[in-house]
Structures are given as C-alpha cells and as structure tokens.
ModelCIF file with pLDDT and N, C-alpha, C, O atoms, coordinates in Angstrom:
data_MODEL
#
_entry.id   MODEL 
#
_entity.id                         1 
_entity.type                       polymer 
_entity.pdbx_number_of_molecules   1 
#
_entity_poly.entity_id                      1 
_entity_poly.type                           'polypeptide(L)' 
_entity_poly.nstd_linkage                   no 
_entity_poly.nstd_monomer                   no 
_entity_poly.pdbx_seq_one_letter_code       TALGGTALTFFALSAYVLITRKDMSFLGGMMTAGFFVILALFVASL 
_entity_poly.pdbx_seq_one_letter_code_can   TALGGTALTFFALSAYVLITRKDMSFLGGMMTAGFFVILALFVASL 
_entity_poly.pdbx_strand_id                 A 
#
loop_
_entity_poly_seq.entity_id 
_entity_poly_seq.num 
_entity_poly_seq.mon_id 
_entity_poly_seq.hetero 
1 1  THR n 
1 2  ALA n 
1 3  LEU n 
1 4  GLY n 
1 5  GLY n 
1 6  THR n 
1 7  ALA n 
1 8  LEU n 
1 9  THR n 
1 10 PHE n 
1 11 PHE n 
1 12 ALA n 
1 13 LEU n 
1 14 SER n 
1 15 ALA n 
1 16 TYR n 
1 17 VAL n 
1 18 LEU n 
1 19 ILE n 
1 20 THR n 
1 21 ARG n 
1 22 LYS n 
1 23 ASP n 
1 24 MET n 
1 25 SER n 
1 26 PHE n 
1 27 LEU n 
1 28 GLY n 
1 29 GLY n 
1 30 MET n 
1 31 MET n 
1 32 THR n 
1 33 ALA n 
1 34 GLY n 
1 35 PHE n 
1 36 PHE n 
1 37 VAL n 
1 38 ILE n 
1 39 LEU n 
1 40 ALA n 
1 41 LEU n 
1 42 PHE n 
1 43 VAL n 
1 44 ALA n 
1 45 SER n 
1 46 LEU n 
#
_struct_asym.id          A 
_struct_asym.entity_id   1 
#
loop_
_ma_qa_metric.id 
_ma_qa_metric.mode 
_ma_qa_metric.name 
_ma_qa_metric.software_group_id 
_ma_qa_metric.type 
1 global pLDDT . pLDDT 
2 local  pLDDT . pLDDT 
#
_ma_qa_metric_global.metric_id      1 
_ma_qa_metric_global.metric_value   91.02 
_ma_qa_metric_global.model_id       1 
_ma_qa_metric_global.ordinal_id     1 
#
loop_
_ma_qa_metric_local.label_asym_id 
_ma_qa_metric_local.label_comp_id 
_ma_qa_metric_local.label_seq_id 
_ma_qa_metric_local.metric_id 
_ma_qa_metric_local.metric_value 
_ma_qa_metric_local.model_id 
_ma_qa_metric_local.ordinal_id 
A THR 1  2 95.00 1 1  
A ALA 2  2 95.00 1 2  
A LEU 3  2 94.00 1 3  
A GLY 4  2 95.00 1 4  
A GLY 5  2 95.00 1 5  
A THR 6  2 96.00 1 6  
A ALA 7  2 96.00 1 7  
A LEU 8  2 96.00 1 8  
A THR 9  2 96.00 1 9  
A PHE 10 2 96.00 1 10 
A PHE 11 2 96.00 1 11 
A ALA 12 2 96.00 1 12 
A LEU 13 2 96.00 1 13 
A SER 14 2 95.00 1 14 
A ALA 15 2 95.00 1 15 
A TYR 16 2 96.00 1 16 
A VAL 17 2 95.00 1 17 
A LEU 18 2 94.00 1 18 
A ILE 19 2 94.00 1 19 
A THR 20 2 93.00 1 20 
A ARG 21 2 92.00 1 21 
A LYS 22 2 91.00 1 22 
A ASP 23 2 91.00 1 23 
A MET 24 2 92.00 1 24 
A SER 25 2 88.00 1 25 
A PHE 26 2 91.00 1 26 
A LEU 27 2 90.00 1 27 
A GLY 28 2 88.00 1 28 
A GLY 29 2 89.00 1 29 
A MET 30 2 89.00 1 30 
A MET 31 2 91.00 1 31 
A THR 32 2 90.00 1 32 
A ALA 33 2 91.00 1 33 
A GLY 34 2 88.00 1 34 
A PHE 35 2 88.00 1 35 
A PHE 36 2 90.00 1 36 
A VAL 37 2 90.00 1 37 
A ILE 38 2 86.00 1 38 
A LEU 39 2 87.00 1 39 
A ALA 40 2 89.00 1 40 
A LEU 41 2 86.00 1 41 
A PHE 42 2 83.00 1 42 
A VAL 43 2 84.00 1 43 
A ALA 44 2 84.00 1 44 
A SER 45 2 78.00 1 45 
A LEU 46 2 77.00 1 46 
#
loop_
_atom_site.group_PDB 
_atom_site.id 
_atom_site.type_symbol 
_atom_site.label_atom_id 
_atom_site.label_alt_id 
_atom_site.label_comp_id 
_atom_site.label_asym_id 
_atom_site.label_entity_id 
_atom_site.label_seq_id 
_atom_site.pdbx_PDB_ins_code 
_atom_site.Cartn_x 
_atom_site.Cartn_y 
_atom_site.Cartn_z 
_atom_site.occupancy 
_atom_site.B_iso_or_equiv 
_atom_site.pdbx_formal_charge 
_atom_site.auth_seq_id 
_atom_site.auth_comp_id 
_atom_site.auth_asym_id 
_atom_site.auth_atom_id 
_atom_site.pdbx_PDB_model_num 
ATOM 1   N N  . THR A 1 1  ? 16.394  10.732  -3.114  1.00 95.00 ? 1  THR A N  1 
ATOM 2   C CA . THR A 1 1  ? 15.915  10.564  -2.343  1.00 95.00 ? 1  THR A CA 1 
ATOM 3   C C  . THR A 1 1  ? 14.122  10.119  -2.098  1.00 95.00 ? 1  THR A C  1 
ATOM 4   O O  . THR A 1 1  ? 13.402  10.053  -1.102  1.00 95.00 ? 1  THR A O  1 
ATOM 5   N N  . ALA A 1 2  ? 13.891  9.851   -3.737  1.00 95.00 ? 2  ALA A N  1 
ATOM 6   C CA . ALA A 1 2  ? 12.779  8.884   -4.246  1.00 95.00 ? 2  ALA A CA 1 
ATOM 7   C C  . ALA A 1 2  ? 13.367  7.748   -4.219  1.00 95.00 ? 2  ALA A C  1 
ATOM 8   O O  . ALA A 1 2  ? 12.809  6.870   -3.559  1.00 95.00 ? 2  ALA A O  1 
ATOM 9   N N  . LEU A 1 3  ? 14.519  7.451   -4.843  1.00 94.00 ? 3  LEU A N  1 
ATOM 10  C CA . LEU A 1 3  ? 14.676  6.129   -5.011  1.00 94.00 ? 3  LEU A CA 1 
ATOM 11  C C  . LEU A 1 3  ? 14.926  5.132   -4.116  1.00 94.00 ? 3  LEU A C  1 
ATOM 12  O O  . LEU A 1 3  ? 14.806  3.917   -4.276  1.00 94.00 ? 3  LEU A O  1 
ATOM 13  N N  . GLY A 1 4  ? 15.423  5.980   -2.793  1.00 95.00 ? 4  GLY A N  1 
ATOM 14  C CA . GLY A 1 4  ? 16.031  5.721   -1.866  1.00 95.00 ? 4  GLY A CA 1 
ATOM 15  C C  . GLY A 1 4  ? 14.564  5.289   -0.687  1.00 95.00 ? 4  GLY A C  1 
ATOM 16  O O  . GLY A 1 4  ? 14.575  4.373   0.134   1.00 95.00 ? 4  GLY A O  1 
ATOM 17  N N  . GLY A 1 5  ? 13.618  6.093   -0.904  1.00 95.00 ? 5  GLY A N  1 
ATOM 18  C CA . GLY A 1 5  ? 12.323  5.711   -0.040  1.00 95.00 ? 5  GLY A CA 1 
ATOM 19  C C  . GLY A 1 5  ? 11.482  4.911   -0.711  1.00 95.00 ? 5  GLY A C  1 
ATOM 20  O O  . GLY A 1 5  ? 10.496  4.571   -0.058  1.00 95.00 ? 5  GLY A O  1 
ATOM 21  N N  . THR A 1 6  ? 11.549  4.535   -1.716  1.00 96.00 ? 6  THR A N  1 
ATOM 22  C CA . THR A 1 6  ? 10.874  3.417   -2.267  1.00 96.00 ? 6  THR A CA 1 
ATOM 23  C C  . THR A 1 6  ? 11.431  2.473   -2.042  1.00 96.00 ? 6  THR A C  1 
ATOM 24  O O  . THR A 1 6  ? 10.914  1.489   -1.512  1.00 96.00 ? 6  THR A O  1 
ATOM 25  N N  . ALA A 1 7  ? 13.054  2.598   -2.527  1.00 96.00 ? 7  ALA A N  1 
ATOM 26  C CA . ALA A 1 7  ? 13.481  0.809   -1.560  1.00 96.00 ? 7  ALA A CA 1 
ATOM 27  C C  . ALA A 1 7  ? 13.261  0.557   0.041   1.00 96.00 ? 7  ALA A C  1 
ATOM 28  O O  . ALA A 1 7  ? 13.238  -0.553  0.572   1.00 96.00 ? 7  ALA A O  1 
ATOM 29  N N  . LEU A 1 8  ? 13.180  1.208   0.382   1.00 96.00 ? 8  LEU A N  1 
ATOM 30  C CA . LEU A 1 8  ? 13.213  1.553   1.944   1.00 96.00 ? 8  LEU A CA 1 
ATOM 31  C C  . LEU A 1 8  ? 11.949  0.805   1.792   1.00 96.00 ? 8  LEU A C  1 
ATOM 32  O O  . LEU A 1 8  ? 11.995  -0.268  2.394   1.00 96.00 ? 8  LEU A O  1 
ATOM 33  N N  . THR A 1 9  ? 10.757  1.044   1.139   1.00 96.00 ? 9  THR A N  1 
ATOM 34  C CA . THR A 1 9  ? 9.615   0.669   1.594   1.00 96.00 ? 9  THR A CA 1 
ATOM 35  C C  . THR A 1 9  ? 9.800   -0.281  1.597   1.00 96.00 ? 9  THR A C  1 
ATOM 36  O O  . THR A 1 9  ? 10.076  -0.899  2.625   1.00 96.00 ? 9  THR A O  1 
ATOM 37  N N  . PHE A 1 10 ? 9.697   -0.993  0.009   1.00 96.00 ? 10 PHE A N  1 
ATOM 38  C CA . PHE A 1 10 ? 9.395   -2.047  -0.080  1.00 96.00 ? 10 PHE A CA 1 
ATOM 39  C C  . PHE A 1 10 ? 10.682  -3.227  0.537   1.00 96.00 ? 10 PHE A C  1 
ATOM 40  O O  . PHE A 1 10 ? 10.353  -4.406  0.674   1.00 96.00 ? 10 PHE A O  1 
ATOM 41  N N  . PHE A 1 11 ? 11.533  -2.961  0.737   1.00 96.00 ? 11 PHE A N  1 
ATOM 42  C CA . PHE A 1 11 ? 12.178  -4.413  1.952   1.00 96.00 ? 11 PHE A CA 1 
ATOM 43  C C  . PHE A 1 11 ? 12.123  -3.920  3.079   1.00 96.00 ? 11 PHE A C  1 
ATOM 44  O O  . PHE A 1 11 ? 12.905  -4.542  3.798   1.00 96.00 ? 11 PHE A O  1 
ATOM 45  N N  . ALA A 1 12 ? 11.447  -2.866  3.807   1.00 96.00 ? 12 ALA A N  1 
ATOM 46  C CA . ALA A 1 12 ? 10.768  -2.882  5.111   1.00 96.00 ? 12 ALA A CA 1 
ATOM 47  C C  . ALA A 1 12 ? 9.292   -4.241  4.773   1.00 96.00 ? 12 ALA A C  1 
ATOM 48  O O  . ALA A 1 12 ? 9.048   -5.444  4.867   1.00 96.00 ? 12 ALA A O  1 
ATOM 49  N N  . LEU A 1 13 ? 8.780   -3.117  4.411   1.00 96.00 ? 13 LEU A N  1 
ATOM 50  C CA . LEU A 1 13 ? 7.284   -4.262  3.936   1.00 96.00 ? 13 LEU A CA 1 
ATOM 51  C C  . LEU A 1 13 ? 7.276   -5.248  3.928   1.00 96.00 ? 13 LEU A C  1 
ATOM 52  O O  . LEU A 1 13 ? 6.717   -5.996  4.730   1.00 96.00 ? 13 LEU A O  1 
ATOM 53  N N  . SER A 1 14 ? 7.997   -5.555  2.865   1.00 95.00 ? 14 SER A N  1 
ATOM 54  C CA . SER A 1 14 ? 8.373   -7.307  1.951   1.00 95.00 ? 14 SER A CA 1 
ATOM 55  C C  . SER A 1 14 ? 8.988   -8.081  3.855   1.00 95.00 ? 14 SER A C  1 
ATOM 56  O O  . SER A 1 14 ? 8.470   -9.162  4.135   1.00 95.00 ? 14 SER A O  1 
ATOM 57  N N  . ALA A 1 15 ? 9.854   -7.556  4.784   1.00 95.00 ? 15 ALA A N  1 
ATOM 58  C CA . ALA A 1 15 ? 10.499  -8.423  5.320   1.00 95.00 ? 15 ALA A CA 1 
ATOM 59  C C  . ALA A 1 15 ? 9.639   -8.195  6.473   1.00 95.00 ? 15 ALA A C  1 
ATOM 60  O O  . ALA A 1 15 ? 9.671   -9.179  7.213   1.00 95.00 ? 15 ALA A O  1 
ATOM 61  N N  . TYR A 1 16 ? 8.835   -7.209  6.931   1.00 96.00 ? 16 TYR A N  1 
ATOM 62  C CA . TYR A 1 16 ? 7.472   -7.453  7.641   1.00 96.00 ? 16 TYR A CA 1 
ATOM 63  C C  . TYR A 1 16 ? 6.715   -8.528  7.729   1.00 96.00 ? 16 TYR A C  1 
ATOM 64  O O  . TYR A 1 16 ? 6.479   -9.174  8.750   1.00 96.00 ? 16 TYR A O  1 
ATOM 65  N N  . VAL A 1 17 ? 6.202   -8.787  6.283   1.00 95.00 ? 17 VAL A N  1 
ATOM 66  C CA . VAL A 1 17 ? 5.672   -10.113 5.852   1.00 95.00 ? 17 VAL A CA 1 
ATOM 67  C C  . VAL A 1 17 ? 6.311   -11.486 6.008   1.00 95.00 ? 17 VAL A C  1 
ATOM 68  O O  . VAL A 1 17 ? 5.739   -12.545 6.269   1.00 95.00 ? 17 VAL A O  1 
ATOM 69  N N  . LEU A 1 18 ? 7.460   -11.291 5.822   1.00 94.00 ? 18 LEU A N  1 
ATOM 70  C CA . LEU A 1 18 ? 8.051   -12.465 5.809   1.00 94.00 ? 18 LEU A CA 1 
ATOM 71  C C  . LEU A 1 18 ? 8.936   -13.331 6.957   1.00 94.00 ? 18 LEU A C  1 
ATOM 72  O O  . LEU A 1 18 ? 9.378   -14.476 7.058   1.00 94.00 ? 18 LEU A O  1 
ATOM 73  N N  . ILE A 1 19 ? 8.927   -11.936 7.865   1.00 94.00 ? 19 ILE A N  1 
ATOM 74  C CA . ILE A 1 19 ? 9.470   -12.670 8.791   1.00 94.00 ? 19 ILE A CA 1 
ATOM 75  C C  . ILE A 1 19 ? 8.438   -13.017 9.550   1.00 94.00 ? 19 ILE A C  1 
ATOM 76  O O  . ILE A 1 19 ? 8.504   -14.194 9.906   1.00 94.00 ? 19 ILE A O  1 
ATOM 77  N N  . THR A 1 20 ? 7.019   -12.128 10.134  1.00 93.00 ? 20 THR A N  1 
ATOM 78  C CA . THR A 1 20 ? 5.502   -12.136 11.206  1.00 93.00 ? 20 THR A CA 1 
ATOM 79  C C  . THR A 1 20 ? 5.011   -13.400 10.196  1.00 93.00 ? 20 THR A C  1 
ATOM 80  O O  . THR A 1 20 ? 4.294   -14.253 10.718  1.00 93.00 ? 20 THR A O  1 
ATOM 81  N N  . ARG A 1 21 ? 5.339   -13.542 8.889   1.00 92.00 ? 21 ARG A N  1 
ATOM 82  C CA . ARG A 1 21 ? 4.564   -14.534 8.021   1.00 92.00 ? 21 ARG A CA 1 
ATOM 83  C C  . ARG A 1 21 ? 2.180   -14.165 8.085   1.00 92.00 ? 21 ARG A C  1 
ATOM 84  O O  . ARG A 1 21 ? 1.204   -14.895 7.908   1.00 92.00 ? 21 ARG A O  1 
ATOM 85  N N  . LYS A 1 22 ? 2.366   -12.762 8.409   1.00 91.00 ? 22 LYS A N  1 
ATOM 86  C CA . LYS A 1 22 ? 1.464   -12.702 9.180   1.00 91.00 ? 22 LYS A CA 1 
ATOM 87  C C  . LYS A 1 22 ? 0.616   -12.109 7.876   1.00 91.00 ? 22 LYS A C  1 
ATOM 88  O O  . LYS A 1 22 ? 0.917   -11.103 7.234   1.00 91.00 ? 22 LYS A O  1 
ATOM 89  N N  . ASP A 1 23 ? -0.780  -13.188 7.595   1.00 91.00 ? 23 ASP A N  1 
ATOM 90  C CA . ASP A 1 23 ? -2.349  -12.798 7.121   1.00 91.00 ? 23 ASP A CA 1 
ATOM 91  C C  . ASP A 1 23 ? -2.628  -11.480 6.617   1.00 91.00 ? 23 ASP A C  1 
ATOM 92  O O  . ASP A 1 23 ? -3.448  -10.833 7.268   1.00 91.00 ? 23 ASP A O  1 
ATOM 93  N N  . MET A 1 24 ? -2.159  -10.979 5.669   1.00 92.00 ? 24 MET A N  1 
ATOM 94  C CA . MET A 1 24 ? -2.795  -9.536  5.906   1.00 92.00 ? 24 MET A CA 1 
ATOM 95  C C  . MET A 1 24 ? -4.033  -9.537  4.341   1.00 92.00 ? 24 MET A C  1 
ATOM 96  O O  . MET A 1 24 ? -4.150  -8.869  3.313   1.00 92.00 ? 24 MET A O  1 
ATOM 97  N N  . SER A 1 25 ? -4.601  -10.473 4.856   1.00 88.00 ? 25 SER A N  1 
ATOM 98  C CA . SER A 1 25 ? -6.205  -10.235 3.381   1.00 88.00 ? 25 SER A CA 1 
ATOM 99  C C  . SER A 1 25 ? -7.125  -9.239  4.677   1.00 88.00 ? 25 SER A C  1 
ATOM 100 O O  . SER A 1 25 ? -8.154  -8.896  4.095   1.00 88.00 ? 25 SER A O  1 
ATOM 101 N N  . PHE A 1 26 ? -7.144  -8.952  5.409   1.00 91.00 ? 26 PHE A N  1 
ATOM 102 C CA . PHE A 1 26 ? -7.469  -8.115  6.088   1.00 91.00 ? 26 PHE A CA 1 
ATOM 103 C C  . PHE A 1 26 ? -8.042  -6.690  6.103   1.00 91.00 ? 26 PHE A C  1 
ATOM 104 O O  . PHE A 1 26 ? -8.900  -5.971  6.617   1.00 91.00 ? 26 PHE A O  1 
ATOM 105 N N  . LEU A 1 27 ? -6.760  -6.742  4.978   1.00 90.00 ? 27 LEU A N  1 
ATOM 106 C CA . LEU A 1 27 ? -6.396  -5.490  4.548   1.00 90.00 ? 27 LEU A CA 1 
ATOM 107 C C  . LEU A 1 27 ? -7.988  -5.109  2.870   1.00 90.00 ? 27 LEU A C  1 
ATOM 108 O O  . LEU A 1 27 ? -8.347  -4.042  2.374   1.00 90.00 ? 27 LEU A O  1 
ATOM 109 N N  . GLY A 1 28 ? -8.382  -6.373  2.616   1.00 88.00 ? 28 GLY A N  1 
ATOM 110 C CA . GLY A 1 28 ? -8.720  -6.184  1.888   1.00 88.00 ? 28 GLY A CA 1 
ATOM 111 C C  . GLY A 1 28 ? -10.319 -5.320  1.560   1.00 88.00 ? 28 GLY A C  1 
ATOM 112 O O  . GLY A 1 28 ? -10.759 -5.023  0.450   1.00 88.00 ? 28 GLY A O  1 
ATOM 113 N N  . GLY A 1 29 ? -10.873 -5.096  2.723   1.00 89.00 ? 29 GLY A N  1 
ATOM 114 C CA . GLY A 1 29 ? -12.457 -4.059  3.025   1.00 89.00 ? 29 GLY A CA 1 
ATOM 115 C C  . GLY A 1 29 ? -11.828 -2.620  2.353   1.00 89.00 ? 29 GLY A C  1 
ATOM 116 O O  . GLY A 1 29 ? -12.287 -1.830  1.528   1.00 89.00 ? 29 GLY A O  1 
ATOM 117 N N  . MET A 1 30 ? -10.253 -2.690  3.292   1.00 89.00 ? 30 MET A N  1 
ATOM 118 C CA . MET A 1 30 ? -9.966  -1.347  3.042   1.00 89.00 ? 30 MET A CA 1 
ATOM 119 C C  . MET A 1 30 ? -8.895  -0.547  1.369   1.00 89.00 ? 30 MET A C  1 
ATOM 120 O O  . MET A 1 30 ? -8.545  0.608   1.129   1.00 89.00 ? 30 MET A O  1 
ATOM 121 N N  . MET A 1 31 ? -8.820  -1.081  1.050   1.00 91.00 ? 31 MET A N  1 
ATOM 122 C CA . MET A 1 31 ? -7.982  -1.641  -0.312  1.00 91.00 ? 31 MET A CA 1 
ATOM 123 C C  . MET A 1 31 ? -9.166  -0.885  -1.117  1.00 91.00 ? 31 MET A C  1 
ATOM 124 O O  . MET A 1 31 ? -9.143  0.238   -1.620  1.00 91.00 ? 31 MET A O  1 
ATOM 125 N N  . THR A 1 32 ? -10.332 -1.954  -1.084  1.00 90.00 ? 32 THR A N  1 
ATOM 126 C CA . THR A 1 32 ? -11.690 -1.437  -1.811  1.00 90.00 ? 32 THR A CA 1 
ATOM 127 C C  . THR A 1 32 ? -11.864 0.064   -1.885  1.00 90.00 ? 32 THR A C  1 
ATOM 128 O O  . THR A 1 32 ? -12.014 0.704   -2.925  1.00 90.00 ? 32 THR A O  1 
ATOM 129 N N  . ALA A 1 33 ? -11.818 0.616   -0.477  1.00 91.00 ? 33 ALA A N  1 
ATOM 130 C CA . ALA A 1 33 ? -12.683 1.752   -0.230  1.00 91.00 ? 33 ALA A CA 1 
ATOM 131 C C  . ALA A 1 33 ? -11.613 2.868   -0.513  1.00 91.00 ? 33 ALA A C  1 
ATOM 132 O O  . ALA A 1 33 ? -11.796 3.980   -1.010  1.00 91.00 ? 33 ALA A O  1 
ATOM 133 N N  . GLY A 1 34 ? -10.199 2.164   0.027   1.00 88.00 ? 34 GLY A N  1 
ATOM 134 C CA . GLY A 1 34 ? -9.372  3.464   -0.895  1.00 88.00 ? 34 GLY A CA 1 
ATOM 135 C C  . GLY A 1 34 ? -9.580  3.809   -2.374  1.00 88.00 ? 34 GLY A C  1 
ATOM 136 O O  . GLY A 1 34 ? -9.771  4.868   -2.972  1.00 88.00 ? 34 GLY A O  1 
ATOM 137 N N  . PHE A 1 35 ? -9.462  2.402   -2.780  1.00 88.00 ? 35 PHE A N  1 
ATOM 138 C CA . PHE A 1 35 ? -9.113  2.819   -4.379  1.00 88.00 ? 35 PHE A CA 1 
ATOM 139 C C  . PHE A 1 35 ? -10.392 3.231   -5.018  1.00 88.00 ? 35 PHE A C  1 
ATOM 140 O O  . PHE A 1 35 ? -10.293 3.405   -6.232  1.00 88.00 ? 35 PHE A O  1 
ATOM 141 N N  . PHE A 1 36 ? -11.832 3.475   -4.385  1.00 90.00 ? 36 PHE A N  1 
ATOM 142 C CA . PHE A 1 36 ? -12.516 4.266   -5.241  1.00 90.00 ? 36 PHE A CA 1 
ATOM 143 C C  . PHE A 1 36 ? -12.561 5.744   -4.381  1.00 90.00 ? 36 PHE A C  1 
ATOM 144 O O  . PHE A 1 36 ? -13.451 6.425   -4.890  1.00 90.00 ? 36 PHE A O  1 
ATOM 145 N N  . VAL A 1 37 ? -12.017 6.353   -3.441  1.00 90.00 ? 37 VAL A N  1 
ATOM 146 C CA . VAL A 1 37 ? -11.211 7.155   -2.845  1.00 90.00 ? 37 VAL A CA 1 
ATOM 147 C C  . VAL A 1 37 ? -10.710 7.710   -3.762  1.00 90.00 ? 37 VAL A C  1 
ATOM 148 O O  . VAL A 1 37 ? -11.176 8.748   -4.232  1.00 90.00 ? 37 VAL A O  1 
ATOM 149 N N  . ILE A 1 38 ? -9.457  7.016   -4.286  1.00 86.00 ? 38 ILE A N  1 
ATOM 150 C CA . ILE A 1 38 ? -8.438  7.498   -4.556  1.00 86.00 ? 38 ILE A CA 1 
ATOM 151 C C  . ILE A 1 38 ? -9.087  8.415   -6.519  1.00 86.00 ? 38 ILE A C  1 
ATOM 152 O O  . ILE A 1 38 ? -8.877  9.482   -7.096  1.00 86.00 ? 38 ILE A O  1 
ATOM 153 N N  . LEU A 1 39 ? -10.031 6.905   -6.849  1.00 87.00 ? 39 LEU A N  1 
ATOM 154 C CA . LEU A 1 39 ? -10.342 6.929   -8.505  1.00 87.00 ? 39 LEU A CA 1 
ATOM 155 C C  . LEU A 1 39 ? -11.473 8.717   -8.202  1.00 87.00 ? 39 LEU A C  1 
ATOM 156 O O  . LEU A 1 39 ? -11.666 9.577   -9.062  1.00 87.00 ? 39 LEU A O  1 
ATOM 157 N N  . ALA A 1 40 ? -11.913 8.733   -6.969  1.00 89.00 ? 40 ALA A N  1 
ATOM 158 C CA . ALA A 1 40 ? -13.247 10.185  -7.034  1.00 89.00 ? 40 ALA A CA 1 
ATOM 159 C C  . ALA A 1 40 ? -12.162 11.422  -7.041  1.00 89.00 ? 40 ALA A C  1 
ATOM 160 O O  . ALA A 1 40 ? -12.554 12.419  -7.647  1.00 89.00 ? 40 ALA A O  1 
ATOM 161 N N  . LEU A 1 41 ? -10.576 11.513  -6.326  1.00 86.00 ? 41 LEU A N  1 
ATOM 162 C CA . LEU A 1 41 ? -9.726  12.167  -5.989  1.00 86.00 ? 41 LEU A CA 1 
ATOM 163 C C  . LEU A 1 41 ? -9.735  12.799  -7.105  1.00 86.00 ? 41 LEU A C  1 
ATOM 164 O O  . LEU A 1 41 ? -10.049 13.978  -7.276  1.00 86.00 ? 41 LEU A O  1 
ATOM 165 N N  . PHE A 1 42 ? -9.116  11.415  -8.520  1.00 83.00 ? 42 PHE A N  1 
ATOM 166 C CA . PHE A 1 42 ? -7.692  11.238  -9.592  1.00 83.00 ? 42 PHE A CA 1 
ATOM 167 C C  . PHE A 1 42 ? -9.190  12.351  -10.510 1.00 83.00 ? 42 PHE A C  1 
ATOM 168 O O  . PHE A 1 42 ? -8.861  13.347  -11.155 1.00 83.00 ? 42 PHE A O  1 
ATOM 169 N N  . VAL A 1 43 ? -10.535 11.982  -10.402 1.00 84.00 ? 43 VAL A N  1 
ATOM 170 C CA . VAL A 1 43 ? -10.971 12.655  -11.819 1.00 84.00 ? 43 VAL A CA 1 
ATOM 171 C C  . VAL A 1 43 ? -11.712 13.984  -11.377 1.00 84.00 ? 43 VAL A C  1 
ATOM 172 O O  . VAL A 1 43 ? -12.353 14.697  -12.149 1.00 84.00 ? 43 VAL A O  1 
ATOM 173 N N  . ALA A 1 44 ? -11.522 14.229  -9.930  1.00 84.00 ? 44 ALA A N  1 
ATOM 174 C CA . ALA A 1 44 ? -11.873 15.472  -9.126  1.00 84.00 ? 44 ALA A CA 1 
ATOM 175 C C  . ALA A 1 44 ? -10.487 16.666  -9.602  1.00 84.00 ? 44 ALA A C  1 
ATOM 176 O O  . ALA A 1 44 ? -10.618 17.875  -9.788  1.00 84.00 ? 44 ALA A O  1 
ATOM 177 N N  . SER A 1 45 ? -9.167  15.820  -9.708  1.00 78.00 ? 45 SER A N  1 
ATOM 178 C CA . SER A 1 45 ? -8.042  16.522  -9.801  1.00 78.00 ? 45 SER A CA 1 
ATOM 179 C C  . SER A 1 45 ? -7.643  17.031  -11.459 1.00 78.00 ? 45 SER A C  1 
ATOM 180 O O  . SER A 1 45 ? -6.727  17.741  -11.874 1.00 78.00 ? 45 SER A O  1 
ATOM 181 N N  . LEU A 1 46 ? -8.867  16.261  -12.231 1.00 77.00 ? 46 LEU A N  1 
ATOM 182 C CA . LEU A 1 46 ? -8.344  16.669  -13.758 1.00 77.00 ? 46 LEU A CA 1 
ATOM 183 C C  . LEU A 1 46 ? -9.296  18.210  -13.626 1.00 77.00 ? 46 LEU A C  1 
ATOM 184 O O  . LEU A 1 46 ? -9.299  19.017  -14.556 1.00 77.00 ? 46 LEU A O  1 
#
C-alpha cells in the first residue's frame, strides 16, 4: 500500500506540472516555513 501510494503520488504530481506547465515557485515561502516547523517537531520528538 505504501509503495502504491508513493507511486501514485509521484505520477499525479508530475503529471499535474507537466500538463499544466504551471510555475510552482510560489511554494518557496511555504516550503521554507514548513522546513523549520518539521525541524522543530523532529527535535521535539527525540
């Protein structure tokens, strides 16, 4: 199930960008914020 879910996620995401050719650079700010949130939670989980 995990293998199938990973494959499906990859194909869906890739197909979306390749078909729409949308510029996804607007995600940069959210990705930076998300990185620090994940880092903080990871340290807390230890």
